[in-house]
Amino acid sequence: MRGGSLTAALGLWQLFTTLDISLWLRFAWFPSAAYVVREFAERGGTGRLLVGPAYAAKATTAVAAWRFPTPPLPEPGGSAP
């Protein structure tokens, strides 16, 4: 299901950018899916592309840990409630 959804989304992206379709977005302004995949492969895959999401994940984890602290663990040998 997920693979099919991803494939459909990439296919529509490629189609809309190739045909310069303007719906709620002007797809003529965006690179095609094929171009993005080709550039991603030429630049060696990850690299700088994943730095932003990695920082975002770290910041989100830090905020969640601060906002929703873990309750203390029970003492060893203590009875469970």
N, C-alpha and C. Protein backbone atom coordinates (compact mmCIF):
# COMPACT_ATOMS: atom_id res chain seq x y z
N MET A 1 0.83 -1.19 0.00
CA MET A 1 0.00 0.00 0.00
C MET A 1 0.88 1.26 0.00
N ARG A 2 1.87 1.30 0.90
CA ARG A 2 2.73 2.47 0.97
C ARG A 2 3.55 2.63 -0.29
N GLY A 3 4.07 1.53 -0.80
CA GLY A 3 4.86 1.58 -2.03
C GLY A 3 4.03 2.06 -3.21
N GLY A 4 2.80 1.62 -3.28
CA GLY A 4 1.91 2.06 -4.35
C GLY A 4 1.58 3.53 -4.25
N SER A 5 1.36 4.01 -3.03
CA SER A 5 1.07 5.43 -2.82
C SER A 5 2.26 6.29 -3.20
N LEU A 6 3.45 5.84 -2.82
CA LEU A 6 4.66 6.59 -3.16
C LEU A 6 4.88 6.60 -4.67
N THR A 7 4.67 5.47 -5.30
CA THR A 7 4.83 5.39 -6.74
C THR A 7 3.81 6.29 -7.46
N ALA A 8 2.57 6.29 -6.98
CA ALA A 8 1.55 7.15 -7.58
C ALA A 8 1.89 8.63 -7.41
N ALA A 9 2.36 9.00 -6.23
CA ALA A 9 2.73 10.40 -5.97
C ALA A 9 3.89 10.83 -6.87
N LEU A 10 4.91 9.98 -6.99
CA LEU A 10 6.04 10.30 -7.86
C LEU A 10 5.61 10.37 -9.32
N GLY A 11 4.73 9.48 -9.72
CA GLY A 11 4.23 9.50 -11.10
C GLY A 11 3.46 10.78 -11.41
N LEU A 12 2.58 11.20 -10.49
CA LEU A 12 1.84 12.44 -10.69
C LEU A 12 2.77 13.65 -10.70
N TRP A 13 3.74 13.64 -9.81
CA TRP A 13 4.73 14.73 -9.77
C TRP A 13 5.45 14.84 -11.11
N GLN A 14 5.92 13.69 -11.62
CA GLN A 14 6.61 13.68 -12.91
C GLN A 14 5.69 14.16 -14.03
N LEU A 15 4.46 13.68 -14.05
CA LEU A 15 3.51 14.05 -15.09
C LEU A 15 3.19 15.54 -15.03
N PHE A 16 2.89 16.05 -13.85
CA PHE A 16 2.52 17.46 -13.71
C PHE A 16 3.67 18.39 -14.08
N THR A 17 4.90 18.04 -13.67
CA THR A 17 6.03 18.91 -14.00
C THR A 17 6.40 18.82 -15.48
N THR A 18 6.26 17.65 -16.08
CA THR A 18 6.58 17.49 -17.50
C THR A 18 5.59 18.25 -18.38
N LEU A 19 4.32 18.23 -17.99
CA LEU A 19 3.28 18.90 -18.78
C LEU A 19 3.05 20.35 -18.35
N ASP A 20 3.81 20.85 -17.37
CA ASP A 20 3.67 22.22 -16.86
C ASP A 20 2.23 22.54 -16.45
N ILE A 21 1.63 21.63 -15.71
CA ILE A 21 0.25 21.80 -15.27
C ILE A 21 0.19 22.79 -14.11
N SER A 22 -0.82 23.66 -14.14
CA SER A 22 -1.04 24.61 -13.05
C SER A 22 -2.39 24.32 -12.42
N LEU A 23 -2.36 23.76 -11.24
CA LEU A 23 -3.59 23.54 -10.47
C LEU A 23 -3.55 24.52 -9.32
N TRP A 24 -3.43 24.04 -8.10
CA TRP A 24 -3.24 24.92 -6.95
C TRP A 24 -1.78 25.33 -6.83
N LEU A 25 -0.91 24.62 -7.52
CA LEU A 25 0.51 24.95 -7.63
C LEU A 25 0.88 25.05 -9.10
N ARG A 26 1.89 25.84 -9.39
CA ARG A 26 2.41 25.90 -10.76
C ARG A 26 3.59 24.94 -10.86
N PHE A 27 3.31 23.77 -11.39
CA PHE A 27 4.32 22.72 -11.43
C PHE A 27 5.46 23.04 -12.40
N ALA A 28 5.27 24.05 -13.25
CA ALA A 28 6.35 24.46 -14.14
C ALA A 28 7.51 25.04 -13.35
N TRP A 29 7.28 25.47 -12.13
CA TRP A 29 8.32 26.07 -11.29
C TRP A 29 9.14 25.03 -10.54
N PHE A 30 8.67 23.79 -10.51
CA PHE A 30 9.33 22.73 -9.75
C PHE A 30 10.16 21.83 -10.67
N PRO A 31 11.25 21.27 -10.15
CA PRO A 31 11.97 20.28 -10.95
C PRO A 31 11.16 18.98 -11.02
N SER A 32 11.39 18.22 -12.07
CA SER A 32 10.67 16.96 -12.20
C SER A 32 11.22 15.93 -11.21
N ALA A 33 10.44 14.89 -10.99
CA ALA A 33 10.87 13.82 -10.09
C ALA A 33 12.13 13.14 -10.63
N ALA A 34 12.19 12.95 -11.95
CA ALA A 34 13.36 12.32 -12.56
C ALA A 34 14.61 13.17 -12.34
N TYR A 35 14.48 14.48 -12.44
CA TYR A 35 15.62 15.38 -12.23
C TYR A 35 16.12 15.28 -10.78
N VAL A 36 15.19 15.28 -9.84
CA VAL A 36 15.57 15.22 -8.42
C VAL A 36 16.27 13.89 -8.12
N VAL A 37 15.74 12.80 -8.65
CA VAL A 37 16.35 11.49 -8.42
C VAL A 37 17.75 11.44 -9.04
N ARG A 38 17.89 11.98 -10.25
CA ARG A 38 19.18 11.99 -10.93
C ARG A 38 20.20 12.82 -10.14
N GLU A 39 19.82 14.00 -9.68
CA GLU A 39 20.72 14.85 -8.89
C GLU A 39 21.08 14.19 -7.56
N PHE A 40 20.12 13.54 -6.95
CA PHE A 40 20.35 12.83 -5.70
C PHE A 40 21.40 11.74 -5.90
N ALA A 41 21.29 10.99 -6.99
CA ALA A 41 22.24 9.91 -7.28
C ALA A 41 23.62 10.47 -7.61
N GLU A 42 23.67 11.56 -8.37
CA GLU A 42 24.96 12.14 -8.75
C GLU A 42 25.72 12.70 -7.56
N ARG A 43 25.00 13.18 -6.57
CA ARG A 43 25.65 13.77 -5.41
C ARG A 43 25.98 12.74 -4.33
N GLY A 44 25.81 11.50 -4.65
CA GLY A 44 26.22 10.45 -3.73
C GLY A 44 25.17 10.07 -2.70
N GLY A 45 23.94 10.32 -3.01
CA GLY A 45 22.88 9.90 -2.10
C GLY A 45 22.58 10.93 -1.04
N THR A 46 22.86 10.61 0.19
CA THR A 46 22.44 11.43 1.32
C THR A 46 23.21 12.74 1.40
N GLY A 47 24.26 12.78 2.17
CA GLY A 47 25.05 14.00 2.31
C GLY A 47 24.26 15.14 2.92
N ARG A 48 24.35 16.29 2.30
CA ARG A 48 23.71 17.50 2.84
C ARG A 48 22.19 17.41 2.83
N LEU A 49 21.64 16.57 1.99
CA LEU A 49 20.20 16.50 1.86
C LEU A 49 19.52 16.10 3.16
N LEU A 50 20.15 15.26 3.94
CA LEU A 50 19.53 14.77 5.17
C LEU A 50 19.97 15.52 6.42
N VAL A 51 20.81 16.53 6.28
CA VAL A 51 21.27 17.27 7.46
C VAL A 51 20.12 18.03 8.10
N GLY A 52 19.31 18.72 7.30
CA GLY A 52 18.17 19.48 7.84
C GLY A 52 17.18 18.60 8.58
N PRO A 53 16.69 17.51 7.97
CA PRO A 53 15.78 16.63 8.69
C PRO A 53 16.41 16.01 9.95
N ALA A 54 17.72 15.76 9.92
CA ALA A 54 18.37 15.21 11.11
C ALA A 54 18.34 16.22 12.26
N TYR A 55 18.64 17.48 11.96
CA TYR A 55 18.56 18.52 13.00
C TYR A 55 17.13 18.69 13.50
N ALA A 56 16.17 18.63 12.60
CA ALA A 56 14.77 18.76 12.99
C ALA A 56 14.35 17.62 13.91
N ALA A 57 14.81 16.41 13.61
CA ALA A 57 14.48 15.26 14.45
C ALA A 57 15.09 15.40 15.84
N LYS A 58 16.34 15.89 15.90
CA LYS A 58 16.98 16.09 17.20
C LYS A 58 16.27 17.16 18.01
N ALA A 59 15.89 18.25 17.36
CA ALA A 59 15.20 19.33 18.06
C ALA A 59 13.83 18.86 18.56
N THR A 60 13.12 18.11 17.73
CA THR A 60 11.81 17.59 18.12
C THR A 60 11.93 16.65 19.31
N THR A 61 12.94 15.79 19.30
CA THR A 61 13.16 14.87 20.41
C THR A 61 13.47 15.63 21.69
N ALA A 62 14.30 16.66 21.60
CA ALA A 62 14.66 17.45 22.78
C ALA A 62 13.44 18.17 23.35
N VAL A 63 12.63 18.75 22.48
CA VAL A 63 11.42 19.45 22.95
C VAL A 63 10.44 18.47 23.56
N ALA A 64 10.27 17.31 22.94
CA ALA A 64 9.34 16.30 23.48
C ALA A 64 9.82 15.78 24.83
N ALA A 65 11.12 15.58 24.98
CA ALA A 65 11.66 15.09 26.26
C ALA A 65 11.48 16.14 27.35
N TRP A 66 11.61 17.42 26.98
CA TRP A 66 11.43 18.50 27.96
C TRP A 66 9.95 18.67 28.30
N ARG A 67 9.09 18.60 27.29
CA ARG A 67 7.67 18.85 27.48
C ARG A 67 6.95 17.67 28.12
N PHE A 68 7.35 16.47 27.80
CA PHE A 68 6.70 15.26 28.31
C PHE A 68 7.73 14.37 28.99
N PRO A 69 8.17 14.74 30.19
CA PRO A 69 9.21 13.95 30.86
C PRO A 69 8.72 12.54 31.21
N THR A 70 9.65 11.62 31.23
CA THR A 70 9.35 10.24 31.58
C THR A 70 9.17 10.14 33.09
N PRO A 71 8.10 9.47 33.54
CA PRO A 71 7.93 9.31 34.99
C PRO A 71 9.05 8.44 35.57
N PRO A 72 9.39 8.66 36.84
CA PRO A 72 10.47 7.86 37.44
C PRO A 72 10.12 6.38 37.49
N LEU A 73 11.14 5.55 37.39
CA LEU A 73 10.96 4.11 37.47
C LEU A 73 10.76 3.70 38.93
N PRO A 74 10.02 2.61 39.18
CA PRO A 74 9.83 2.13 40.55
C PRO A 74 11.16 1.62 41.11
N GLU A 75 11.27 1.65 42.40
CA GLU A 75 12.46 1.16 43.08
C GLU A 75 12.59 -0.35 42.86
N PRO A 76 13.84 -0.84 42.71
CA PRO A 76 14.01 -2.29 42.55
C PRO A 76 13.50 -3.04 43.78
N GLY A 77 12.81 -4.10 43.55
CA GLY A 77 12.29 -4.92 44.65
C GLY A 77 11.00 -4.39 45.23
N GLY A 78 10.55 -3.24 44.76
CA GLY A 78 9.29 -2.68 45.24
C GLY A 78 8.10 -3.38 44.60
N SER A 79 6.96 -3.21 45.19
CA SER A 79 5.77 -3.86 44.64
C SER A 79 5.16 -2.97 43.57
N ALA A 80 4.63 -3.61 42.58
CA ALA A 80 3.96 -2.88 41.48
C ALA A 80 2.59 -2.49 41.96
N PRO A 81 2.09 -1.33 41.56
CA PRO A 81 0.74 -0.90 41.99
C PRO A 81 -0.36 -1.70 41.39
